[in-house]
C-alpha cells in the first residue's frame, strides 16, 4: 500500500467514464492513454492510476480475452476516492485476491508481477465475479494524501 502523505487536493464529487476496448495490446494501451487524459481533465493525479490501468488492461487482454468480446474500463471519482474497474468476459479465470498474490518463482520471468504492482499502488483492490460470464477487477486510490 502506498503510504505517502504529500498534499491535499479537492476534486469534483462525482465524475465518471466508461468505455469498451478490444482485448488486444492496442486496447490495453488505449485504456492507459484514456485514463491519463480523463484524469488530467478532471484535475486528478494520474500516475498511479495509469500504472494500475495498464496492468489490469493487460491482464484483461491476455488472461481475460475471449474472441469477439471486449473488455470494459470504468473510472469514477466520488468524493476523495478514484475507483478503477476493468471487466472482462472470462469469469472462469479469476486471479488471486488481495494478499494472495505471489511473485513468480523465477526472478527472470517476464510475467506475473502485474497484480503485485496493483497491490503496491492501490489503497484497496479486489475481484468481483459475475454476472456470468464476467469478472471485474477493481482498485481504489485515495486522492487525499
N, C-alpha and C. Protein backbone atom coordinates (compact mmCIF):
# COMPACT_ATOMS: atom_id res chain seq x y z
N UNK A 1 0.83 -1.17 0.00
CA UNK A 1 0.00 0.00 0.00
C UNK A 1 0.89 1.24 0.00
N UNK A 2 0.54 2.20 -0.79
CA UNK A 2 1.30 3.44 -0.88
C UNK A 2 1.00 4.28 0.35
N UNK A 3 2.01 4.67 1.09
CA UNK A 3 1.81 5.38 2.35
C UNK A 3 2.33 6.82 2.31
N UNK A 4 2.48 7.41 1.14
CA UNK A 4 2.98 8.77 1.05
C UNK A 4 1.89 9.76 1.46
N UNK A 5 2.29 10.76 2.23
CA UNK A 5 1.37 11.82 2.64
C UNK A 5 2.00 13.13 2.19
N UNK A 6 1.59 13.63 1.03
CA UNK A 6 2.24 14.78 0.45
C UNK A 6 1.38 16.02 0.40
N UNK A 7 0.15 15.89 -0.08
CA UNK A 7 -0.65 17.08 -0.28
C UNK A 7 -2.13 16.72 -0.24
N UNK A 8 -2.93 17.73 -0.06
CA UNK A 8 -4.38 17.56 -0.10
C UNK A 8 -4.90 18.33 -1.30
N UNK A 9 -5.74 17.67 -2.10
CA UNK A 9 -6.37 18.32 -3.23
C UNK A 9 -7.87 18.09 -3.14
N UNK A 10 -8.62 19.05 -3.64
CA UNK A 10 -10.07 18.91 -3.66
C UNK A 10 -10.51 18.60 -5.08
N UNK A 11 -11.31 17.57 -5.22
CA UNK A 11 -11.75 17.10 -6.53
C UNK A 11 -13.26 17.14 -6.60
N UNK A 12 -13.77 17.14 -7.81
CA UNK A 12 -15.21 17.09 -8.01
C UNK A 12 -15.78 15.85 -7.34
N UNK A 13 -16.99 15.98 -6.82
CA UNK A 13 -17.57 14.87 -6.08
C UNK A 13 -17.96 13.69 -6.96
N UNK A 14 -18.43 13.92 -8.16
CA UNK A 14 -18.89 12.81 -8.99
C UNK A 14 -18.46 13.02 -10.44
N UNK A 15 -17.58 12.17 -10.91
CA UNK A 15 -17.21 12.16 -12.32
C UNK A 15 -16.97 10.73 -12.72
N UNK A 16 -17.33 10.38 -13.94
CA UNK A 16 -17.14 9.01 -14.37
C UNK A 16 -16.92 8.89 -15.86
N UNK A 17 -16.36 7.77 -16.23
CA UNK A 17 -16.06 7.47 -17.63
C UNK A 17 -16.05 5.96 -17.80
N UNK A 18 -16.70 5.47 -18.82
CA UNK A 18 -16.72 4.04 -19.13
C UNK A 18 -16.55 3.86 -20.63
N UNK A 19 -15.74 2.86 -21.01
CA UNK A 19 -15.50 2.58 -22.43
C UNK A 19 -15.26 1.09 -22.62
N UNK A 20 -15.70 0.57 -23.76
CA UNK A 20 -15.38 -0.80 -24.17
C UNK A 20 -14.17 -0.75 -25.08
N UNK A 21 -13.23 -1.67 -24.87
CA UNK A 21 -12.00 -1.71 -25.65
C UNK A 21 -11.71 -3.14 -26.10
N UNK A 22 -11.03 -3.25 -27.23
CA UNK A 22 -10.70 -4.58 -27.74
C UNK A 22 -9.65 -5.23 -26.84
N UNK A 23 -9.74 -6.53 -26.61
CA UNK A 23 -8.79 -7.23 -25.74
C UNK A 23 -7.47 -7.52 -26.47
N UNK A 24 -6.78 -6.45 -26.82
CA UNK A 24 -5.51 -6.54 -27.54
C UNK A 24 -4.49 -5.65 -26.85
N UNK A 25 -3.25 -5.73 -27.27
CA UNK A 25 -2.23 -4.82 -26.72
C UNK A 25 -2.60 -3.38 -27.02
N UNK A 26 -3.14 -3.14 -28.20
CA UNK A 26 -3.56 -1.79 -28.58
C UNK A 26 -4.70 -1.30 -27.67
N UNK A 27 -5.66 -2.18 -27.37
CA UNK A 27 -6.76 -1.82 -26.47
C UNK A 27 -6.26 -1.51 -25.07
N UNK A 28 -5.30 -2.30 -24.59
CA UNK A 28 -4.72 -2.06 -23.26
C UNK A 28 -3.98 -0.73 -23.21
N UNK A 29 -3.25 -0.43 -24.29
CA UNK A 29 -2.53 0.84 -24.35
C UNK A 29 -3.51 2.01 -24.39
N UNK A 30 -4.58 1.86 -25.15
CA UNK A 30 -5.60 2.90 -25.23
C UNK A 30 -6.26 3.12 -23.88
N UNK A 31 -6.47 2.06 -23.11
CA UNK A 31 -7.05 2.19 -21.77
C UNK A 31 -6.18 3.10 -20.91
N UNK A 32 -4.88 2.89 -20.96
CA UNK A 32 -3.96 3.73 -20.18
C UNK A 32 -3.98 5.18 -20.66
N UNK A 33 -3.94 5.38 -21.97
CA UNK A 33 -3.96 6.74 -22.52
C UNK A 33 -5.25 7.48 -22.18
N UNK A 34 -6.38 6.79 -22.28
CA UNK A 34 -7.67 7.40 -21.93
C UNK A 34 -7.74 7.74 -20.45
N UNK A 35 -7.16 6.90 -19.63
CA UNK A 35 -7.12 7.17 -18.18
C UNK A 35 -6.35 8.45 -17.90
N UNK A 36 -5.17 8.57 -18.47
CA UNK A 36 -4.35 9.76 -18.26
C UNK A 36 -5.09 11.01 -18.76
N UNK A 37 -5.73 10.92 -19.92
CA UNK A 37 -6.44 12.07 -20.48
C UNK A 37 -7.62 12.48 -19.61
N UNK A 38 -8.44 11.53 -19.20
CA UNK A 38 -9.62 11.88 -18.39
C UNK A 38 -9.24 12.37 -17.01
N UNK A 39 -8.31 11.71 -16.36
CA UNK A 39 -7.91 12.17 -15.03
C UNK A 39 -7.26 13.54 -15.10
N UNK A 40 -6.48 13.78 -16.14
CA UNK A 40 -5.89 15.11 -16.31
C UNK A 40 -6.95 16.17 -16.49
N UNK A 41 -7.98 15.88 -17.28
CA UNK A 41 -9.07 16.84 -17.48
C UNK A 41 -9.84 17.08 -16.19
N UNK A 42 -9.90 16.07 -15.34
CA UNK A 42 -10.62 16.22 -14.06
C UNK A 42 -9.75 16.82 -12.97
N UNK A 43 -8.45 17.01 -13.24
CA UNK A 43 -7.55 17.55 -12.23
C UNK A 43 -7.16 16.53 -11.18
N UNK A 44 -7.16 15.25 -11.56
CA UNK A 44 -6.84 14.17 -10.63
C UNK A 44 -5.45 13.63 -10.98
N UNK A 45 -4.59 13.42 -9.99
CA UNK A 45 -3.26 12.84 -10.27
C UNK A 45 -3.41 11.49 -10.97
N UNK A 46 -2.64 11.28 -12.03
CA UNK A 46 -2.86 10.12 -12.88
C UNK A 46 -1.77 9.06 -12.84
N UNK A 47 -0.63 9.32 -12.23
CA UNK A 47 0.50 8.40 -12.37
C UNK A 47 0.19 7.00 -11.83
N UNK A 48 -0.22 6.89 -10.58
CA UNK A 48 -0.53 5.56 -10.02
C UNK A 48 -1.68 4.91 -10.76
N UNK A 49 -2.71 5.69 -11.06
CA UNK A 49 -3.88 5.16 -11.77
C UNK A 49 -3.48 4.63 -13.15
N UNK A 50 -2.61 5.33 -13.84
CA UNK A 50 -2.17 4.89 -15.17
C UNK A 50 -1.45 3.54 -15.09
N UNK A 51 -0.63 3.35 -14.07
CA UNK A 51 0.07 2.07 -13.89
C UNK A 51 -0.92 0.95 -13.57
N UNK A 52 -1.89 1.25 -12.70
CA UNK A 52 -2.90 0.25 -12.34
C UNK A 52 -3.71 -0.14 -13.56
N UNK A 53 -4.17 0.85 -14.31
CA UNK A 53 -4.96 0.55 -15.51
C UNK A 53 -4.14 -0.24 -16.52
N UNK A 54 -2.88 0.13 -16.69
CA UNK A 54 -2.03 -0.61 -17.64
C UNK A 54 -1.95 -2.08 -17.26
N UNK A 55 -1.78 -2.38 -15.99
CA UNK A 55 -1.68 -3.77 -15.55
C UNK A 55 -3.01 -4.51 -15.68
N UNK A 56 -4.11 -3.87 -15.24
CA UNK A 56 -5.41 -4.54 -15.30
C UNK A 56 -5.86 -4.73 -16.74
N UNK A 57 -5.61 -3.75 -17.60
CA UNK A 57 -6.00 -3.87 -19.01
C UNK A 57 -5.14 -4.93 -19.71
N UNK A 58 -3.86 -5.00 -19.37
CA UNK A 58 -3.00 -6.04 -19.94
C UNK A 58 -3.50 -7.42 -19.51
N UNK A 59 -3.89 -7.56 -18.25
CA UNK A 59 -4.43 -8.84 -17.79
C UNK A 59 -5.72 -9.18 -18.51
N UNK A 60 -6.59 -8.20 -18.72
CA UNK A 60 -7.84 -8.44 -19.44
C UNK A 60 -7.57 -8.87 -20.87
N UNK A 61 -6.52 -8.31 -21.46
CA UNK A 61 -6.18 -8.64 -22.85
C UNK A 61 -5.52 -10.00 -22.99
N UNK A 62 -4.80 -10.42 -21.97
CA UNK A 62 -4.08 -11.69 -22.04
C UNK A 62 -4.89 -12.82 -21.41
N UNK A 63 -5.28 -12.64 -20.16
CA UNK A 63 -5.94 -13.73 -19.40
C UNK A 63 -7.46 -13.70 -19.53
N UNK A 64 -8.03 -12.53 -19.84
CA UNK A 64 -9.49 -12.42 -19.91
C UNK A 64 -10.03 -12.35 -21.32
N UNK A 65 -9.17 -12.60 -22.26
CA UNK A 65 -9.56 -12.46 -23.68
C UNK A 65 -10.46 -13.60 -24.14
N UNK A 66 -11.57 -13.20 -24.76
CA UNK A 66 -12.46 -14.13 -25.45
C UNK A 66 -12.70 -13.52 -26.82
N UNK A 67 -12.47 -14.30 -27.85
CA UNK A 67 -12.63 -13.82 -29.22
C UNK A 67 -13.99 -13.15 -29.41
N UNK A 68 -13.98 -11.93 -29.94
CA UNK A 68 -15.21 -11.22 -30.25
C UNK A 68 -15.84 -10.47 -29.07
N UNK A 69 -15.21 -10.53 -27.91
CA UNK A 69 -15.75 -9.84 -26.73
C UNK A 69 -14.76 -8.81 -26.22
N UNK A 70 -15.23 -7.60 -25.98
CA UNK A 70 -14.39 -6.52 -25.49
C UNK A 70 -14.26 -6.57 -23.97
N UNK A 71 -13.31 -5.79 -23.44
CA UNK A 71 -13.27 -5.57 -22.01
C UNK A 71 -13.71 -4.14 -21.74
N UNK A 72 -14.13 -3.89 -20.52
CA UNK A 72 -14.66 -2.56 -20.16
C UNK A 72 -13.76 -1.91 -19.12
N UNK A 73 -13.46 -0.65 -19.33
CA UNK A 73 -12.73 0.18 -18.38
C UNK A 73 -13.70 1.20 -17.83
N UNK A 74 -13.76 1.31 -16.51
CA UNK A 74 -14.57 2.34 -15.86
C UNK A 74 -13.71 3.10 -14.86
N UNK A 75 -13.84 4.42 -14.89
CA UNK A 75 -13.17 5.29 -13.93
C UNK A 75 -14.25 6.11 -13.24
N UNK A 76 -14.15 6.27 -11.94
CA UNK A 76 -15.13 7.09 -11.23
C UNK A 76 -14.44 7.79 -10.06
N UNK A 77 -14.69 9.09 -9.97
CA UNK A 77 -14.24 9.86 -8.82
C UNK A 77 -15.48 10.17 -8.00
N UNK A 78 -15.45 9.74 -6.75
CA UNK A 78 -16.55 10.01 -5.84
C UNK A 78 -15.94 10.52 -4.55
N UNK A 79 -16.26 11.77 -4.22
CA UNK A 79 -15.63 12.37 -3.05
C UNK A 79 -14.14 12.46 -3.25
N UNK A 80 -13.40 11.85 -2.36
CA UNK A 80 -11.93 11.90 -2.41
C UNK A 80 -11.33 10.56 -2.81
N UNK A 81 -12.08 9.76 -3.60
CA UNK A 81 -11.60 8.44 -3.98
C UNK A 81 -11.79 8.22 -5.48
N UNK A 82 -10.77 7.64 -6.10
CA UNK A 82 -10.84 7.21 -7.50
C UNK A 82 -11.03 5.71 -7.52
N UNK A 83 -12.04 5.25 -8.25
CA UNK A 83 -12.27 3.81 -8.42
C UNK A 83 -12.03 3.45 -9.88
N UNK A 84 -11.23 2.43 -10.07
CA UNK A 84 -10.91 1.89 -11.39
C UNK A 84 -11.51 0.50 -11.45
N UNK A 85 -12.21 0.19 -12.53
CA UNK A 85 -12.74 -1.16 -12.73
C UNK A 85 -12.41 -1.61 -14.14
N UNK A 86 -11.92 -2.83 -14.25
CA UNK A 86 -11.71 -3.46 -15.55
C UNK A 86 -12.49 -4.77 -15.53
N UNK A 87 -13.44 -4.87 -16.46
CA UNK A 87 -14.31 -6.05 -16.54
C UNK A 87 -14.03 -6.79 -17.84
N UNK A 88 -13.81 -8.10 -17.72
CA UNK A 88 -13.63 -8.91 -18.93
C UNK A 88 -14.64 -10.06 -18.91
N UNK A 89 -14.64 -10.85 -19.95
CA UNK A 89 -15.66 -11.89 -20.10
C UNK A 89 -15.10 -13.29 -19.86
N UNK A 90 -14.09 -13.39 -19.02
CA UNK A 90 -13.56 -14.69 -18.63
C UNK A 90 -13.75 -14.88 -17.13
N UNK A 91 -15.00 -14.99 -16.71
CA UNK A 91 -15.31 -15.19 -15.31
C UNK A 91 -14.78 -16.49 -14.76
N UNK A 92 -14.43 -17.42 -15.65
CA UNK A 92 -13.88 -18.70 -15.22
C UNK A 92 -12.38 -18.60 -14.91
N UNK A 93 -11.77 -17.46 -15.20
CA UNK A 93 -10.34 -17.24 -14.96
C UNK A 93 -10.19 -16.11 -13.96
N UNK A 94 -10.32 -16.43 -12.67
CA UNK A 94 -10.30 -15.41 -11.62
C UNK A 94 -8.91 -15.34 -11.00
N UNK A 95 -8.33 -14.15 -10.95
CA UNK A 95 -6.99 -14.02 -10.36
C UNK A 95 -7.07 -14.11 -8.83
N UNK A 96 -5.92 -14.32 -8.19
CA UNK A 96 -5.92 -14.31 -6.72
C UNK A 96 -6.29 -12.92 -6.22
N UNK A 97 -6.88 -12.86 -5.07
CA UNK A 97 -7.30 -11.58 -4.50
C UNK A 97 -6.21 -10.94 -3.67
N UNK A 98 -6.53 -9.82 -3.04
CA UNK A 98 -5.56 -9.10 -2.21
C UNK A 98 -4.94 -10.01 -1.14
N UNK A 99 -3.64 -9.92 -1.00
CA UNK A 99 -2.92 -10.71 -0.01
C UNK A 99 -2.56 -12.11 -0.48
N UNK A 100 -3.14 -12.56 -1.58
CA UNK A 100 -2.88 -13.92 -2.07
C UNK A 100 -1.98 -13.92 -3.31
N UNK A 101 -1.60 -12.74 -3.78
CA UNK A 101 -0.76 -12.64 -4.98
C UNK A 101 0.68 -12.95 -4.60
N UNK A 102 1.29 -13.83 -5.36
CA UNK A 102 2.67 -14.22 -5.10
C UNK A 102 3.56 -13.85 -6.28
N UNK A 103 4.79 -13.46 -5.97
CA UNK A 103 5.76 -13.15 -7.02
C UNK A 103 6.13 -14.43 -7.76
N UNK A 104 6.50 -14.32 -9.04
CA UNK A 104 6.91 -15.52 -9.78
C UNK A 104 8.15 -16.15 -9.15
N UNK A 105 8.21 -17.47 -9.23
CA UNK A 105 9.35 -18.22 -8.67
C UNK A 105 10.66 -17.83 -9.34
N UNK A 106 10.60 -17.64 -10.66
CA UNK A 106 11.79 -17.30 -11.44
C UNK A 106 11.96 -15.79 -11.45
N UNK A 107 13.07 -15.31 -10.89
CA UNK A 107 13.33 -13.87 -10.84
C UNK A 107 13.42 -13.25 -12.23
N UNK A 108 13.68 -14.06 -13.25
CA UNK A 108 13.84 -13.56 -14.61
C UNK A 108 12.57 -13.70 -15.44
N UNK A 109 11.49 -14.15 -14.80
CA UNK A 109 10.22 -14.33 -15.52
C UNK A 109 9.74 -12.98 -16.04
N UNK A 110 9.19 -12.98 -17.24
CA UNK A 110 8.71 -11.74 -17.85
C UNK A 110 7.28 -11.42 -17.46
N UNK A 111 6.57 -12.36 -16.83
CA UNK A 111 5.17 -12.17 -16.45
C UNK A 111 4.99 -12.45 -14.97
N UNK A 112 3.80 -12.09 -14.47
CA UNK A 112 3.44 -12.50 -13.13
C UNK A 112 3.58 -11.44 -12.05
N UNK A 113 3.85 -10.21 -12.44
CA UNK A 113 4.03 -9.16 -11.44
C UNK A 113 2.95 -8.08 -11.46
N UNK A 114 2.01 -8.18 -12.42
CA UNK A 114 1.02 -7.13 -12.60
C UNK A 114 0.17 -6.86 -11.38
N UNK A 115 -0.37 -7.90 -10.75
CA UNK A 115 -1.20 -7.68 -9.58
C UNK A 115 -0.38 -7.27 -8.36
N UNK A 116 0.90 -7.61 -8.34
CA UNK A 116 1.78 -7.09 -7.28
C UNK A 116 1.91 -5.58 -7.40
N UNK A 117 1.98 -5.09 -8.64
CA UNK A 117 2.04 -3.64 -8.87
C UNK A 117 0.73 -2.99 -8.44
N UNK A 118 -0.39 -3.61 -8.80
CA UNK A 118 -1.71 -3.08 -8.39
C UNK A 118 -1.78 -3.04 -6.87
N UNK A 119 -1.36 -4.12 -6.21
CA UNK A 119 -1.41 -4.18 -4.75
C UNK A 119 -0.53 -3.10 -4.11
N UNK A 120 0.60 -2.81 -4.74
CA UNK A 120 1.50 -1.79 -4.19
C UNK A 120 0.97 -0.37 -4.38
N UNK A 121 0.27 -0.11 -5.46
CA UNK A 121 -0.16 1.25 -5.78
C UNK A 121 -1.57 1.60 -5.29
N UNK A 122 -2.44 0.61 -5.19
CA UNK A 122 -3.83 0.87 -4.80
C UNK A 122 -3.96 0.90 -3.28
N UNK A 123 -4.89 1.71 -2.80
CA UNK A 123 -5.19 1.70 -1.37
C UNK A 123 -6.07 0.49 -1.02
N UNK A 124 -6.92 0.09 -1.98
CA UNK A 124 -7.78 -1.08 -1.84
C UNK A 124 -7.96 -1.67 -3.22
N UNK A 125 -8.13 -2.98 -3.30
CA UNK A 125 -8.43 -3.61 -4.59
C UNK A 125 -9.08 -4.96 -4.34
N UNK A 126 -9.69 -5.50 -5.38
CA UNK A 126 -10.32 -6.79 -5.23
C UNK A 126 -10.86 -7.31 -6.55
N UNK A 127 -11.49 -8.47 -6.47
CA UNK A 127 -12.06 -9.14 -7.63
C UNK A 127 -13.51 -9.45 -7.33
N UNK A 128 -14.40 -9.12 -8.27
CA UNK A 128 -15.83 -9.41 -8.11
C UNK A 128 -16.25 -10.31 -9.27
N UNK A 129 -16.70 -11.54 -8.96
CA UNK A 129 -17.17 -12.42 -10.03
C UNK A 129 -18.56 -12.02 -10.51
N UNK A 130 -18.84 -12.29 -11.80
CA UNK A 130 -20.18 -12.14 -12.37
C UNK A 130 -20.54 -10.73 -12.73
N UNK A 131 -21.69 -10.56 -13.31
CA UNK A 131 -22.57 -11.66 -13.70
C UNK A 131 -21.94 -12.49 -14.82
N UNK A 132 -22.28 -13.76 -14.84
CA UNK A 132 -21.71 -14.71 -15.80
C UNK A 132 -21.87 -14.15 -17.21
N UNK A 133 -20.84 -14.12 -18.01
CA UNK A 133 -19.55 -14.78 -17.91
C UNK A 133 -18.44 -13.82 -17.46
N UNK A 134 -18.78 -12.76 -16.76
CA UNK A 134 -17.81 -11.69 -16.48
C UNK A 134 -17.15 -11.81 -15.11
N UNK A 135 -16.08 -11.02 -14.97
CA UNK A 135 -15.48 -10.72 -13.68
C UNK A 135 -14.95 -9.30 -13.76
N UNK A 136 -14.88 -8.64 -12.62
CA UNK A 136 -14.36 -7.28 -12.55
C UNK A 136 -13.23 -7.25 -11.53
N UNK A 137 -12.10 -6.70 -11.95
CA UNK A 137 -11.01 -6.42 -11.02
C UNK A 137 -11.04 -4.91 -10.80
N UNK A 138 -11.12 -4.52 -9.54
CA UNK A 138 -11.23 -3.11 -9.21
C UNK A 138 -10.09 -2.67 -8.30
N UNK A 139 -9.82 -1.38 -8.33
CA UNK A 139 -8.80 -0.80 -7.46
C UNK A 139 -9.28 0.60 -7.08
N UNK A 140 -8.97 1.00 -5.86
CA UNK A 140 -9.31 2.34 -5.40
C UNK A 140 -8.06 3.05 -4.90
N UNK A 141 -8.03 4.34 -5.22
CA UNK A 141 -6.92 5.20 -4.78
C UNK A 141 -7.54 6.35 -4.02
N UNK A 142 -7.07 6.57 -2.79
CA UNK A 142 -7.50 7.73 -2.03
C UNK A 142 -6.79 8.95 -2.59
N UNK A 143 -7.55 9.99 -2.89
CA UNK A 143 -6.99 11.17 -3.52
C UNK A 143 -6.46 12.19 -2.51
N UNK A 144 -6.72 11.98 -1.24
CA UNK A 144 -6.20 12.85 -0.20
C UNK A 144 -5.01 12.15 0.42
N UNK A 145 -3.87 12.77 0.34
CA UNK A 145 -2.64 12.18 0.87
C UNK A 145 -1.98 13.14 1.81
